[in-house]
């Protein structure tokens, strides 16, 4: 199922260089190095507490490592605040849902568009001219995303009233609304049943492969998102859709390679997958 684009791709999108992150005496990441390549789905796996979410938090600016650098388009992301990183077209979903439960589905998704809004504060405040035209365009883009992710029937319902699986889908929609070039997915299928997982996999692959070409007027869906990083515990899904896998264990990177290599790696089996993997 995986795209396997990365086999012929050499362009590096992110360079994660000697990142060390400590919380007091606890080391979350220990001199970790890896790259994210253009055109790939990169999976990061490992047991609970391995440092997976910490790695994404460092990329998105929520954590500041004590050592190392994370380079993206020639800039060290560790020197930038989260809102500036978001404006660089790096979007993410969260392990624990961070939506606005009292707001509607469409308003939650629209909140992702504010990152790329170009209208000034005065125009937005009075809602005229440029701000009004931009709002119309932003809502149309959001409608494409709503249709693509099949949440149209719930667009006006409060997110807090929706089942967990649908909330995760809205979280993905909000990230897409930011027009990311790099999409970070932190356990996008956590807590879902088999059918719900299958739907999310279908959407992720559709996003990656540009299957939103059915929406030629959508800047987001027509092009697809070429680079996706995903944390996920379902090894069957990881082995099916990932181009490359990085394995963390108590803050150390213990393996990196194609899914078939990871599946047969003894150190990975001992640390995480189990001897029957």
Protein backbone atom coordinates (compact mmCIF):
# COMPACT_ATOMS: atom_id res chain seq x y z
CA UNK A 1 0.00 0.00 0.00
CA UNK A 2 2.89 2.38 0.67
CA UNK A 3 3.89 4.94 -1.93
CA UNK A 4 7.54 3.86 -2.08
CA UNK A 5 8.32 7.29 -3.51
CA UNK A 6 11.19 7.72 -1.07
CA UNK A 7 13.29 5.09 -2.80
CA UNK A 8 13.99 7.58 -5.58
CA UNK A 9 13.85 10.74 -3.51
CA UNK A 10 17.01 12.36 -2.17
CA UNK A 11 15.81 15.81 -1.17
CA UNK A 12 15.86 16.30 2.58
CA UNK A 13 12.98 18.26 4.09
CA UNK A 14 14.01 18.09 7.76
CA UNK A 15 17.38 17.33 9.31
CA UNK A 16 17.11 16.26 12.94
CA UNK A 17 20.68 16.74 14.16
CA UNK A 18 22.01 15.48 17.51
CA UNK A 19 18.83 16.43 19.34
CA UNK A 20 19.00 15.97 23.10
CA UNK A 21 15.95 16.77 25.22
CA UNK A 22 15.94 16.44 29.00
CA UNK A 23 13.22 16.91 31.58
CA UNK A 24 15.19 17.16 34.78
CA UNK A 25 17.01 13.85 35.12
CA UNK A 26 14.86 12.16 32.49
CA UNK A 27 16.27 12.03 28.97
CA UNK A 28 13.46 12.05 26.40
CA UNK A 29 15.78 12.21 23.36
CA UNK A 30 19.45 11.29 23.44
CA UNK A 31 21.59 12.64 20.57
CA UNK A 32 18.96 11.61 18.03
CA UNK A 33 19.68 12.01 14.31
CA UNK A 34 17.37 11.41 11.36
CA UNK A 35 16.05 13.05 8.21
CA UNK A 36 12.63 13.48 6.69
CA UNK A 37 12.67 13.19 2.91
CA UNK A 38 10.44 14.72 0.31
CA UNK A 39 7.88 12.28 -1.02
CA UNK A 40 7.79 9.80 1.84
CA UNK A 41 5.62 8.58 4.66
CA UNK A 42 8.00 8.25 7.59
CA UNK A 43 6.81 6.29 10.62
CA UNK A 44 8.25 6.75 14.09
CA UNK A 45 7.58 3.82 16.40
CA UNK A 46 8.62 2.67 19.85
CA UNK A 47 7.17 1.72 23.23
CA UNK A 48 5.40 4.24 25.44
CA UNK A 49 7.88 6.80 26.72
CA UNK A 50 10.30 6.20 23.85
CA UNK A 51 10.39 9.86 22.82
CA UNK A 52 8.16 9.75 19.74
CA UNK A 53 5.85 12.63 20.63
CA UNK A 54 8.80 14.56 22.03
CA UNK A 55 10.41 14.41 18.59
CA UNK A 56 7.31 15.92 16.97
CA UNK A 57 7.09 18.51 19.72
CA UNK A 58 10.65 19.57 18.97
CA UNK A 59 9.89 19.94 15.26
CA UNK A 60 6.75 21.99 15.90
CA UNK A 61 8.44 24.17 18.52
CA UNK A 62 6.50 23.08 21.62
CA UNK A 63 9.70 21.69 23.17
CA UNK A 64 13.10 23.31 22.98
CA UNK A 65 15.96 20.76 23.10
CA UNK A 66 19.01 21.44 25.20
CA UNK A 67 21.33 20.36 22.38
CA UNK A 68 21.23 19.93 18.64
CA UNK A 69 19.43 21.57 15.72
CA UNK A 70 16.48 20.86 13.46
CA UNK A 71 16.96 22.32 9.99
CA UNK A 72 14.08 23.10 7.64
CA UNK A 73 14.59 25.21 4.53
CA UNK A 74 17.94 26.34 5.93
CA UNK A 75 16.46 27.54 9.23
CA UNK A 76 16.97 26.01 12.66
CA UNK A 77 13.48 25.37 14.00
CA UNK A 78 14.74 25.15 17.57
CA UNK A 79 15.27 28.92 17.44
CA UNK A 80 11.69 29.67 16.40
CA UNK A 81 8.39 29.85 18.33
CA UNK A 82 5.55 27.49 17.40
CA UNK A 83 3.45 30.09 15.55
CA UNK A 84 6.32 30.93 13.19
CA UNK A 85 6.92 27.25 12.51
CA UNK A 86 3.22 26.81 11.71
CA UNK A 87 3.48 29.67 9.21
CA UNK A 88 6.27 27.72 7.48
CA UNK A 89 3.62 25.18 6.43
CA UNK A 90 4.37 22.56 9.08
CA UNK A 91 1.10 21.26 10.55
CA UNK A 92 0.30 18.52 13.01
CA UNK A 93 -2.37 16.56 14.78
CA UNK A 94 -2.14 15.67 18.45
CA UNK A 95 -2.16 12.44 20.42
CA UNK A 96 -4.76 13.96 22.73
CA UNK A 97 -7.45 15.85 20.86
CA UNK A 98 -7.02 19.63 21.19
CA UNK A 99 -10.11 20.81 19.35
CA UNK A 100 -12.51 23.48 20.63
CA UNK A 101 -15.36 21.29 21.97
CA UNK A 102 -17.93 24.10 22.17
CA UNK A 103 -17.40 25.15 18.56
CA UNK A 104 -18.81 23.61 15.39
CA UNK A 105 -16.89 21.30 13.07
CA UNK A 106 -16.54 23.96 10.40
CA UNK A 107 -15.36 26.61 12.88
CA UNK A 108 -12.75 24.23 14.28
CA UNK A 109 -11.43 23.57 10.79
CA UNK A 110 -11.54 27.27 9.93
CA UNK A 111 -9.30 27.95 12.93
CA UNK A 112 -6.49 26.29 10.98
CA UNK A 113 -6.82 28.89 8.22
CA UNK A 114 -5.97 31.78 10.55
CA UNK A 115 -2.32 30.73 10.43
CA UNK A 116 -2.12 31.67 6.76
CA UNK A 117 -4.56 34.60 6.79
CA UNK A 118 -3.14 37.65 5.01
CA UNK A 119 -5.75 40.25 5.94
CA UNK A 120 -4.70 42.70 8.62
CA UNK A 121 -6.21 42.86 12.10
CA UNK A 122 -8.19 46.05 11.32
CA UNK A 123 -9.77 44.59 8.18
CA UNK A 124 -10.61 41.36 10.00
CA UNK A 125 -12.13 43.27 12.90
CA UNK A 126 -14.52 45.21 10.67
CA UNK A 127 -14.91 42.37 8.14
CA UNK A 128 -14.75 44.39 4.94
CA UNK A 129 -12.87 44.45 1.67
CA UNK A 130 -9.88 42.15 1.64
CA UNK A 131 -10.92 40.36 4.84
CA UNK A 132 -14.39 39.60 3.49
CA UNK A 133 -13.06 38.25 0.22
CA UNK A 134 -10.46 36.18 2.02
CA UNK A 135 -13.07 34.72 4.37
CA UNK A 136 -15.11 33.54 1.38
CA UNK A 137 -12.07 31.88 -0.19
CA UNK A 138 -11.03 30.29 3.10
CA UNK A 139 -14.49 28.83 3.65
CA UNK A 140 -14.51 27.36 0.16
CA UNK A 141 -11.16 25.67 0.81
CA UNK A 142 -12.51 24.30 4.08
CA UNK A 143 -15.59 22.98 2.28
CA UNK A 144 -13.33 20.98 -0.04
CA UNK A 145 -11.60 19.45 2.99
CA UNK A 146 -14.92 18.70 4.67
CA UNK A 147 -16.13 16.92 1.55
CA UNK A 148 -12.85 15.01 1.10
CA UNK A 149 -12.84 13.76 4.70
CA UNK A 150 -16.57 13.00 4.57
CA UNK A 151 -17.65 15.04 7.59
CA UNK A 152 -20.20 17.22 5.80
CA UNK A 153 -23.22 15.91 7.69
CA UNK A 154 -21.66 17.10 10.99
CA UNK A 155 -20.35 20.49 9.80
CA UNK A 156 -22.61 22.53 12.08
CA UNK A 157 -22.49 20.24 15.12
CA UNK A 158 -20.34 21.00 18.14
CA UNK A 159 -17.18 18.92 18.03
CA UNK A 160 -17.58 17.94 21.68
CA UNK A 161 -20.76 16.04 20.85
CA UNK A 162 -19.15 13.86 18.16
CA UNK A 163 -17.80 10.32 18.60
CA UNK A 164 -14.07 10.07 19.23
CA UNK A 165 -13.26 8.75 15.77
CA UNK A 166 -14.95 11.70 14.11
CA UNK A 167 -13.16 14.13 16.39
CA UNK A 168 -9.85 12.67 15.23
CA UNK A 169 -10.98 13.21 11.64
CA UNK A 170 -11.79 16.85 12.38
CA UNK A 171 -8.34 17.22 13.96
CA UNK A 172 -6.85 15.97 10.69
CA UNK A 173 -9.05 18.39 8.74
CA UNK A 174 -7.84 21.34 10.81
CA UNK A 175 -4.22 20.38 10.14
CA UNK A 176 -4.95 20.15 6.40
CA UNK A 177 -6.53 23.59 6.49
CA UNK A 178 -3.09 25.01 7.28
CA UNK A 179 -1.90 24.03 3.76
CA UNK A 180 1.07 22.05 5.11
CA UNK A 181 4.04 20.95 3.07
CA UNK A 182 5.00 18.72 6.00
CA UNK A 183 2.28 16.95 8.00
CA UNK A 184 2.99 15.47 11.43
CA UNK A 185 0.45 12.91 12.65
CA UNK A 186 0.65 11.90 16.31
CA UNK A 187 -1.27 8.63 16.70
CA UNK A 188 -4.04 9.60 14.26
CA UNK A 189 -5.75 6.21 14.76
CA UNK A 190 -5.48 5.90 18.54
CA UNK A 191 -8.62 4.49 20.14
CA UNK A 192 -10.29 3.64 16.83
CA UNK A 193 -11.89 0.41 15.75
CA UNK A 194 -10.79 -1.48 12.63
CA UNK A 195 -13.30 0.23 10.35
CA UNK A 196 -12.36 3.72 11.58
CA UNK A 197 -8.67 2.96 11.15
CA UNK A 198 -9.30 1.83 7.59
CA UNK A 199 -11.01 5.14 6.82
CA UNK A 200 -8.13 7.20 8.26
CA UNK A 201 -5.59 5.14 6.29
CA UNK A 202 -7.59 5.79 3.13
CA UNK A 203 -7.59 9.53 3.82
CA UNK A 204 -3.86 9.64 4.64
CA UNK A 205 -2.92 7.80 1.46
CA UNK A 206 -5.30 9.98 -0.53
CA UNK A 207 -3.70 13.13 0.86
CA UNK A 208 -0.22 11.80 0.20
CA UNK A 209 -0.89 10.69 -3.35
CA UNK A 210 -2.81 13.79 -4.32
CA UNK A 211 -6.03 11.85 -4.79
CA UNK A 212 -7.80 15.06 -3.96
CA UNK A 213 -7.27 15.84 -7.66
CA UNK A 214 -11.04 15.50 -7.81
CA UNK A 215 -10.91 18.99 -6.27
CA UNK A 216 -8.84 20.86 -8.87
CA UNK A 217 -9.70 24.25 -7.38
CA UNK A 218 -8.38 23.26 -3.96
CA UNK A 219 -4.83 24.43 -3.34
CA UNK A 220 -4.44 21.78 -0.66
CA UNK A 221 -6.05 18.67 -2.06
CA UNK A 222 -5.12 18.97 -5.73
CA UNK A 223 -1.38 18.89 -5.03
CA UNK A 224 -1.29 16.42 -2.16
CA UNK A 225 1.07 16.53 0.82
CA UNK A 226 4.28 14.81 -0.13
CA UNK A 227 5.99 14.47 3.26
CA UNK A 228 4.13 12.88 6.16
CA UNK A 229 5.51 11.78 9.53
CA UNK A 230 3.31 9.43 11.51
CA UNK A 231 3.46 7.98 15.01
CA UNK A 232 1.33 4.87 15.26
CA UNK A 233 1.21 1.71 17.38
CA UNK A 234 -0.60 -0.50 14.87
CA UNK A 235 2.32 -2.32 13.28
CA UNK A 236 0.18 -3.83 10.54
CA UNK A 237 -0.70 -0.37 9.28
CA UNK A 238 2.87 0.91 9.63
CA UNK A 239 4.29 -2.01 7.66
CA UNK A 240 1.71 -1.46 4.93
CA UNK A 241 1.91 2.28 4.31
CA UNK A 242 5.30 3.57 5.54
CA UNK A 243 8.23 4.06 3.21
CA UNK A 244 10.70 4.24 6.08
CA UNK A 245 10.55 3.52 9.81
CA UNK A 246 12.53 5.00 12.69
CA UNK A 247 12.50 3.17 16.02
CA UNK A 248 13.05 4.95 19.33
CA UNK A 249 13.58 3.28 22.68
CA UNK A 250 13.94 5.32 25.89
CA UNK A 251 15.15 8.32 23.91
CA UNK A 252 17.67 6.46 21.75
CA UNK A 253 17.28 5.75 18.05
CA UNK A 254 17.87 2.02 17.81
CA UNK A 255 16.96 1.36 14.17
CA UNK A 256 16.05 2.97 10.87
CA UNK A 257 15.11 1.44 7.55
CA UNK A 258 12.43 0.05 5.28
CA UNK A 259 9.52 -1.73 7.00
CA UNK A 260 10.84 -5.18 6.02
CA UNK A 261 14.20 -4.36 7.61
CA UNK A 262 12.56 -3.16 10.80
CA UNK A 263 10.35 -6.24 10.99
CA UNK A 264 13.38 -8.54 11.02
CA UNK A 265 15.63 -6.39 13.23
CA UNK A 266 16.43 -8.36 16.40
CA UNK A 267 17.01 -5.27 18.53
CA UNK A 268 13.64 -3.87 17.49
CA UNK A 269 11.89 -7.16 18.20
CA UNK A 270 13.43 -7.35 21.63
CA UNK A 271 12.60 -3.74 22.48
CA UNK A 272 9.19 -3.37 20.97
CA UNK A 273 7.71 -5.71 18.42
CA UNK A 274 8.15 -8.95 20.38
CA UNK A 275 9.89 -12.13 19.36
CA UNK A 276 7.06 -13.24 17.09
CA UNK A 277 7.25 -10.16 14.85
